[in-house]
Structures are given as C-alpha cells and as structure tokens.
Amino acid sequence: MENTNKYRILEIFFRALRGEDIFVQSLANEYGVSTKSISRSISELKNFLSDNRELVGNTDLTYSHRDKCYRLYMDEFLNSKELFSLVEVMIGARAFSREELLTVTAKLKRFTTPSDASMLSELIRKELYHYPEVKHDCESIQENLWQIICAIEEKKEISIDYYKMDRSFVTHRLLPLSVIFTDYYFYLIALKTDKDLNKPLYFRIDRIKHITEHRRNSIKNIPDFDEGLLRRRSLFMWPGPLRTIRFEFSGPSVQAVLDKLPTAKIIERMGKNKYLIEAETYGDGIKMWLLSQGSWVKVVSPDEFVCEMKAEIEKMLKSY
C-alpha cells in the first residue's frame, strides 16, 4: 500500500512536469481511490517542493480556481517570449529538416507553462506551415553534428564520405577542429591529414553522407589552434589564406559591418559616414561579401587583394 502511494505521487509529479492539468476527481477515478487520497498525494508533493527550495528552486504545484485543476510552475520553464524566440531562430536559420524541427519544437513546448503551450502551438503551427526546407544529403544533421562534436572532444581523426559542390563524391580523412553555423548551413572546420596542417578547410555538414571514426591518429603532432579565434576568422567558409585586409566603408551602417565581421575594427573615421576598417579573415569568401556591398566599399590593402578585387569587378563588367 505504501509503495502504491509513493508510485502514485511520482506519477502525478511526472504528469504535471509534462504539462498535464491535474484534476483531483479524474485522478481518483483513474486510480480507483478517493479524492481525499489524491488530495493527500498532492499535499505531500507541495510539501516536498516547499521544503526543498535549494534542490527544486521556485517550483510549485498551484491550484487554478478558474479551471479547477493543479498545474506545475517552475522558474526553469521557458516562458512564451523565450520559447517563441528560440523557435523563430531555428525556423529562420533553416538548418534542420522539417521533421527534426517538429521534434525539437515539440520537446521545447514541454518546458513552458500549460497556459502558454496551447497559444504557442498555434503560433508555431503557422510558422512551420510555410517552412522552406534546405535540401540535405545526409539522413540527419543532428546525428552528423553529434558524431563530429564527440570526435573533436576526443581528438579523434575521422573519414567522411562527402558530396562536393559539383556533386562529385569523395572521401577525406580529417582532423576535426570546430563546428560553425552560418547562412543556413553547419560547417565542419578541419585539417586534411595529408595536406598543410596550418590551413583549415571547410565542409558542409549536410553534405556528409557517412562518418567513420579512427582509433589511431595519423597526425603525430597536432597543431595548437585557438578554436575561438579560428571561428572568428572563418566566417565565409571558403578556402584561402589567412590575411589582414583594410577597406574603406561609406555605407549607412558601419555597425552592420562590425557585426558581420567578428575580427573587424575601425582604424580611422575618414568623414561623416566613411570609415577605414581592418579585419582578419580566412579564405576568399570575404571577397564575395565585400563585392556585395557595391560602391560602399573600397579595398585599400594588401596590394594583391586589391588586384583580386579589381580583376573580379572587370569580369563582372564584361557580363553587362
């Protein structure tokens, strides 16, 4: 009898934790006991929560006189604003398949209050109805991500079966360094074990068809990389050298440039809306971004990069 009561208390708590409304009469009918027994179980739960604030924080089983039921409230629940903000970021990022997104949002909703959950369900339903999926080659972005993160943590080399941009299928043996998200895609930053170990390469994680972990590393002396600095410099996910560039910017929002380029800093204010900016970046992706800013940008150094920009602009002009 005592064990039955303990199990009932645990079941009630777990059901409340999952967002169920706790109706005394309904539970009494379900368990085949009196309403007094259910009320005692709820009282024991409330006493436990009250006596163990250090363990459970601000958590309480509160009675709603309007709905005539008990509901669990806790500080750890996400409120509507927090949950909807997270879902909006995931939807806008378009990083996951619709199925993965539905699974994650369903789990997130369990950690909000019952009163918020129904409203959020309708808001999220409308957002997901028009969700534009990005085509992926892998079965699961999340599975690939987790395998790579574990390999990075354990400093293991991996082999990946990978679709290149031209859709050719190749296999690479890599030492994974970091994972970064930008412009709809997760990227793996890694070193090829048979190439220059000071030159990081970038691989879209959704194009990785299969990952194999290796028990032994072929690289004996792993280069020391500052992962945070590597991520700050690797924004555009294109191969190429590490270089420090300077450019003049005369657009309407210099803050937007500083936000886009984590390593950027203002060297000089040259006029009312004109700035000299310096940034460190890996690869040639920075060239495409600077070109996208049109006449707002003029690259001034280094000289070889200025020449590259001029050559690219001349190619563009020939197309018109």
Protein backbone atom coordinates (compact mmCIF):
# COMPACT_ATOMS: atom_id res chain seq x y z
CA MET A 1 0.00 0.00 0.00
CA GLU A 2 2.83 2.40 0.93
CA ASN A 3 4.66 1.64 -2.32
CA THR A 4 1.45 2.16 -4.29
CA ASN A 5 1.04 5.59 -2.74
CA LYS A 6 4.68 6.53 -3.50
CA TYR A 7 4.34 5.44 -7.10
CA ARG A 8 1.12 7.43 -7.40
CA ILE A 9 2.84 10.56 -6.08
CA LEU A 10 5.70 10.11 -8.55
CA GLU A 11 3.27 9.57 -11.42
CA ILE A 12 1.31 12.71 -10.52
CA PHE A 13 4.51 14.75 -10.36
CA PHE A 14 5.78 13.40 -13.68
CA ARG A 15 2.45 14.08 -15.36
CA ALA A 16 2.49 17.65 -14.01
CA LEU A 17 6.08 18.02 -15.21
CA ARG A 18 4.96 17.08 -18.73
CA GLY A 19 2.40 19.88 -18.64
CA GLU A 20 -0.75 17.91 -17.76
CA ASP A 21 -3.53 19.60 -15.81
CA ILE A 22 -4.04 17.67 -12.57
CA PHE A 23 -7.76 17.13 -11.84
CA VAL A 24 -8.41 15.53 -8.45
CA GLN A 25 -11.68 13.81 -9.40
CA SER A 26 -10.29 12.45 -12.69
CA LEU A 27 -7.22 11.01 -10.95
CA ALA A 28 -9.37 9.49 -8.19
CA ASN A 29 -11.45 7.71 -10.84
CA GLU A 30 -8.35 6.61 -12.74
CA TYR A 31 -6.54 5.19 -9.71
CA GLY A 32 -9.68 3.83 -8.06
CA VAL A 33 -9.16 5.75 -4.83
CA SER A 34 -10.99 8.55 -3.00
CA THR A 35 -10.50 12.20 -3.80
CA LYS A 36 -9.07 12.58 -0.27
CA SER A 37 -6.26 10.15 -1.20
CA ILE A 38 -5.39 12.18 -4.29
CA SER A 39 -5.54 15.41 -2.29
CA ARG A 40 -3.14 13.92 0.28
CA SER A 41 -0.72 12.90 -2.50
CA ILE A 42 -0.83 16.42 -3.91
CA SER A 43 -0.26 17.88 -0.43
CA GLU A 44 2.81 15.65 0.04
CA LEU A 45 4.12 16.85 -3.31
CA LYS A 46 3.53 20.50 -2.38
CA ASN A 47 5.27 19.99 1.00
CA PHE A 48 8.26 18.36 -0.71
CA LEU A 49 8.61 21.25 -3.14
CA SER A 50 8.26 23.80 -0.34
CA ASP A 51 10.81 22.08 1.94
CA ASN A 52 13.45 21.60 -0.77
CA ARG A 53 13.83 25.02 -2.36
CA GLU A 54 17.60 24.63 -2.69
CA LEU A 55 17.03 21.50 -4.78
CA VAL A 56 13.95 22.43 -6.82
CA GLY A 57 14.18 26.23 -6.91
CA ASN A 58 10.99 28.23 -7.24
CA THR A 59 8.75 25.28 -8.16
CA ASP A 60 5.17 24.87 -7.02
CA LEU A 61 2.02 22.89 -7.76
CA THR A 62 -0.57 25.67 -7.95
CA TYR A 63 -4.35 25.36 -7.94
CA SER A 64 -6.32 27.19 -10.64
CA HIS A 65 -9.74 28.16 -9.28
CA ARG A 66 -10.91 29.07 -12.76
CA ASP A 67 -10.03 25.69 -14.32
CA LYS A 68 -10.37 23.69 -11.07
CA CYS A 69 -7.08 21.85 -11.51
CA TYR A 70 -3.46 21.90 -10.33
CA ARG A 71 -0.57 22.98 -12.57
CA LEU A 72 3.16 22.82 -12.05
CA TYR A 73 5.06 26.10 -12.31
CA MET A 74 8.83 26.46 -12.11
CA ASP A 75 11.45 29.08 -12.94
CA GLU A 76 13.18 26.59 -15.25
CA PHE A 77 10.18 26.59 -17.60
CA LEU A 78 10.63 28.69 -20.72
CA ASN A 79 8.11 31.48 -21.00
CA SER A 80 6.30 32.31 -24.23
CA LYS A 81 8.74 35.03 -25.25
CA GLU A 82 11.80 32.82 -24.72
CA LEU A 83 10.35 29.78 -26.46
CA PHE A 84 8.95 31.66 -29.43
CA SER A 85 12.28 33.49 -29.85
CA LEU A 86 14.15 30.17 -29.94
CA VAL A 87 11.72 28.66 -32.44
CA GLU A 88 11.91 31.76 -34.64
CA VAL A 89 15.71 31.50 -34.71
CA MET A 90 15.55 27.81 -35.69
CA ILE A 91 12.96 28.47 -38.39
CA GLY A 92 14.89 31.44 -39.78
CA ALA A 93 18.16 29.51 -39.78
CA ARG A 94 16.59 26.71 -41.89
CA ALA A 95 19.33 24.40 -40.61
CA PHE A 96 17.14 21.37 -39.86
CA SER A 97 14.70 19.28 -41.82
CA ARG A 98 11.00 19.82 -41.13
CA GLU A 99 10.85 16.52 -39.23
CA GLU A 100 13.81 17.43 -37.00
CA LEU A 101 12.37 20.88 -36.37
CA LEU A 102 8.97 19.46 -35.40
CA THR A 103 10.63 17.05 -32.96
CA VAL A 104 12.71 19.76 -31.30
CA THR A 105 9.84 22.25 -31.01
CA ALA A 106 7.55 19.58 -29.54
CA LYS A 107 10.13 18.90 -26.83
CA LEU A 108 10.67 22.59 -26.15
CA LYS A 109 6.95 23.12 -25.63
CA ARG A 110 7.04 20.67 -22.72
CA PHE A 111 9.23 23.14 -20.85
CA THR A 112 6.81 26.03 -20.96
CA THR A 113 3.75 26.64 -18.84
CA PRO A 114 0.49 24.85 -19.80
CA SER A 115 -1.29 28.15 -20.41
CA ASP A 116 1.43 29.24 -22.83
CA ALA A 117 1.75 25.88 -24.57
CA SER A 118 -1.62 25.99 -26.38
CA MET A 119 -1.07 29.51 -27.69
CA LEU A 120 2.45 28.68 -28.80
CA SER A 121 1.28 25.53 -30.58
CA GLU A 122 -0.90 27.65 -32.84
CA LEU A 123 1.81 30.26 -33.46
CA ILE A 124 4.41 27.61 -34.25
CA ARG A 125 1.97 25.70 -36.48
CA LYS A 126 1.54 28.78 -38.66
CA GLU A 127 5.28 29.29 -38.89
CA LEU A 128 6.03 25.68 -39.76
CA TYR A 129 3.30 25.50 -42.39
CA HIS A 130 5.41 27.64 -44.75
CA TYR A 131 8.78 26.32 -43.55
CA PRO A 132 11.19 26.22 -46.55
CA GLU A 133 13.45 23.20 -46.06
CA VAL A 134 17.03 23.31 -47.31
CA LYS A 135 17.97 20.17 -49.26
CA HIS A 136 20.34 17.90 -47.32
CA ASP A 137 22.35 14.90 -48.48
CA CYS A 138 22.67 13.36 -45.02
CA GLU A 139 19.96 11.45 -43.18
CA SER A 140 20.22 13.60 -40.04
CA ILE A 141 22.04 16.88 -39.42
CA GLN A 142 21.84 16.26 -35.68
CA GLU A 143 23.45 12.81 -35.92
CA ASN A 144 26.32 14.17 -38.03
CA LEU A 145 26.79 17.11 -35.67
CA TRP A 146 26.97 14.91 -32.60
CA GLN A 147 29.44 12.45 -34.15
CA ILE A 148 31.70 15.34 -35.14
CA ILE A 149 31.44 17.08 -31.76
CA CYS A 150 32.39 13.82 -30.00
CA ALA A 151 35.37 13.35 -32.33
CA ILE A 152 36.53 16.92 -31.64
CA GLU A 153 36.20 16.40 -27.88
CA GLU A 154 38.15 13.13 -28.02
CA LYS A 155 40.68 14.50 -30.56
CA LYS A 156 39.95 11.64 -32.99
CA GLU A 157 40.51 11.65 -36.72
CA ILE A 158 37.53 10.86 -38.93
CA SER A 159 36.88 9.90 -42.53
CA ILE A 160 33.91 11.45 -44.30
CA ASP A 161 32.10 10.42 -47.47
CA TYR A 162 31.27 13.80 -48.94
CA TYR A 163 29.41 15.42 -51.83
CA LYS A 164 31.44 18.30 -53.26
CA MET A 165 29.86 21.40 -54.76
CA ASP A 166 30.00 19.85 -58.26
CA ARG A 167 28.21 16.76 -56.84
CA SER A 168 31.23 14.51 -57.18
CA PHE A 169 31.52 12.03 -54.30
CA VAL A 170 34.83 11.86 -52.41
CA THR A 171 36.31 10.53 -49.17
CA HIS A 172 38.53 12.64 -46.92
CA ARG A 173 40.48 11.73 -43.79
CA LEU A 174 40.34 14.71 -41.44
CA LEU A 175 41.25 16.02 -38.02
CA PRO A 176 38.08 17.93 -36.98
CA LEU A 177 38.72 21.23 -35.19
CA SER A 178 35.40 23.04 -34.80
CA VAL A 179 31.81 23.39 -35.95
CA ILE A 180 30.27 26.68 -37.01
CA PHE A 181 26.87 27.76 -38.33
CA THR A 182 26.39 30.45 -40.95
CA ASP A 183 23.95 31.19 -43.79
CA TYR A 184 21.62 28.16 -43.44
CA TYR A 185 24.37 25.55 -43.00
CA PHE A 186 26.52 23.91 -40.33
CA TYR A 187 30.17 23.67 -41.34
CA LEU A 188 32.99 21.45 -40.14
CA ILE A 189 36.35 23.19 -39.87
CA ALA A 190 39.07 20.55 -40.18
CA LEU A 191 42.59 19.72 -41.30
CA LYS A 192 43.26 17.18 -44.04
CA THR A 193 45.73 14.67 -42.67
CA ASP A 194 47.75 14.58 -45.91
CA LYS A 195 47.78 18.36 -46.54
CA ASP A 196 49.10 21.56 -44.97
CA LEU A 197 48.30 21.30 -41.27
CA ASN A 198 48.25 25.08 -40.89
CA LYS A 199 45.48 25.53 -43.46
CA PRO A 200 41.95 24.78 -42.21
CA LEU A 201 39.38 23.51 -44.70
CA TYR A 202 35.59 23.78 -44.60
CA PHE A 203 32.97 21.09 -45.22
CA ARG A 204 29.19 21.48 -45.18
CA ILE A 205 27.90 19.00 -42.62
CA ASP A 206 24.67 18.37 -44.53
CA ARG A 207 26.76 17.07 -47.47
CA ILE A 208 28.48 14.43 -45.33
CA LYS A 209 26.88 11.10 -46.17
CA HIS A 210 28.83 8.95 -43.73
CA ILE A 211 31.35 9.44 -40.91
CA THR A 212 33.92 6.89 -39.73
CA GLU A 213 35.94 7.40 -36.54
CA HIS A 214 39.54 6.17 -36.43
CA ARG A 215 41.05 4.63 -33.33
CA ARG A 216 44.53 5.94 -34.10
CA ASN A 217 45.56 9.34 -35.39
CA SER A 218 47.94 9.61 -38.32
CA ILE A 219 48.97 13.12 -37.25
CA LYS A 220 51.57 12.80 -34.51
CA ASN A 221 51.97 16.45 -33.57
CA ILE A 222 48.61 18.17 -33.68
CA PRO A 223 48.96 21.93 -34.28
CA ASP A 224 47.78 24.15 -31.44
CA PHE A 225 44.68 26.04 -32.59
CA ASP A 226 42.75 28.72 -30.74
CA GLU A 227 39.24 27.48 -31.56
CA GLY A 228 37.57 30.77 -30.68
CA LEU A 229 39.92 32.79 -32.88
CA LEU A 230 39.59 30.23 -35.69
CA ARG A 231 35.79 30.61 -35.60
CA ARG A 232 36.05 34.43 -35.64
CA ARG A 233 38.28 34.34 -38.71
CA SER A 234 36.34 31.61 -40.55
CA LEU A 235 33.09 33.38 -41.31
CA PHE A 236 32.61 32.78 -45.04
CA MET A 237 33.55 29.08 -45.29
CA TRP A 238 35.69 29.40 -48.41
CA PRO A 239 39.26 28.08 -48.68
CA GLY A 240 42.13 30.51 -48.98
CA PRO A 241 44.91 32.16 -46.99
CA LEU A 242 44.70 33.98 -43.69
CA ARG A 243 45.15 37.65 -44.35
CA THR A 244 44.60 41.05 -42.81
CA ILE A 245 42.66 43.37 -45.08
CA ARG A 246 41.77 47.04 -44.93
CA PHE A 247 38.88 48.69 -46.69
CA GLU A 248 37.00 51.97 -46.69
CA PHE A 249 33.30 51.76 -45.91
CA SER A 250 30.83 54.57 -46.66
CA GLY A 251 27.51 52.75 -46.23
CA PRO A 252 24.64 53.71 -43.92
CA SER A 253 25.56 51.35 -41.04
CA VAL A 254 29.14 50.68 -40.03
CA GLN A 255 27.79 48.68 -37.08
CA ALA A 256 26.35 46.14 -39.52
CA VAL A 257 29.88 45.59 -40.88
CA LEU A 258 31.32 45.15 -37.39
CA ASP A 259 28.56 42.67 -36.57
CA LYS A 260 29.16 40.71 -39.78
CA LEU A 261 32.95 40.52 -39.37
CA PRO A 262 33.83 39.49 -35.79
CA THR A 263 37.52 40.50 -36.21
CA ALA A 264 36.74 43.90 -37.76
CA LYS A 265 37.76 47.12 -36.06
CA ILE A 266 37.59 50.78 -37.05
CA ILE A 267 41.08 52.14 -37.70
CA GLU A 268 40.07 55.66 -38.66
CA ARG A 269 36.98 57.79 -39.14
CA MET A 270 37.53 59.48 -42.52
CA GLY A 271 34.38 61.61 -42.70
CA LYS A 272 30.76 61.82 -41.62
CA ASN A 273 29.84 58.36 -42.92
CA LYS A 274 33.21 56.99 -44.04
CA TYR A 275 35.44 54.62 -42.08
CA LEU A 276 38.70 52.73 -42.57
CA ILE A 277 38.17 49.18 -41.31
CA GLU A 278 40.64 46.35 -40.71
CA ALA A 279 39.75 42.66 -40.42
CA GLU A 280 41.46 39.26 -40.28
CA THR A 281 39.83 36.50 -42.28
CA TYR A 282 40.48 33.08 -43.78
CA GLY A 283 39.61 32.30 -47.38
CA ASP A 284 38.20 34.09 -50.41
CA GLY A 285 34.62 34.36 -49.17
CA ILE A 286 35.37 37.85 -47.85
CA LYS A 287 35.82 38.97 -51.47
CA MET A 288 32.25 37.99 -52.36
CA TRP A 289 30.85 39.73 -49.32
CA LEU A 290 32.77 42.95 -49.99
CA LEU A 291 31.60 42.92 -53.61
CA SER A 292 28.01 42.57 -52.38
CA GLN A 293 28.37 45.96 -50.68
CA GLY A 294 28.79 47.69 -54.05
CA SER A 295 30.13 51.24 -54.09
CA TRP A 296 30.05 51.46 -50.30
CA VAL A 297 33.34 49.53 -50.16
CA LYS A 298 36.85 50.25 -51.48
CA VAL A 299 39.62 47.78 -50.60
CA VAL A 300 42.97 49.51 -49.91
CA SER A 301 45.25 46.69 -48.72
CA PRO A 302 47.01 44.34 -49.12
CA ASP A 303 48.02 45.10 -52.70
CA GLU A 304 47.42 41.57 -54.00
CA PHE A 305 43.90 41.61 -52.62
CA VAL A 306 43.23 44.99 -54.24
CA CYS A 307 44.29 43.44 -57.56
CA GLU A 308 41.98 40.45 -56.99
CA MET A 309 39.05 42.79 -56.35
CA LYS A 310 39.80 44.83 -59.49
CA ALA A 311 40.07 41.68 -61.61
CA GLU A 312 36.74 40.37 -60.29
CA ILE A 313 34.99 43.70 -60.95
CA GLU A 314 36.35 43.74 -64.52
CA LYS A 315 34.97 40.23 -65.08
CA MET A 316 31.60 41.39 -63.79
CA LEU A 317 31.60 44.41 -66.13
CA LYS A 318 32.22 42.16 -69.14
CA SER A 319 28.97 40.36 -68.35
CA TYR A 320 26.96 43.53 -68.96
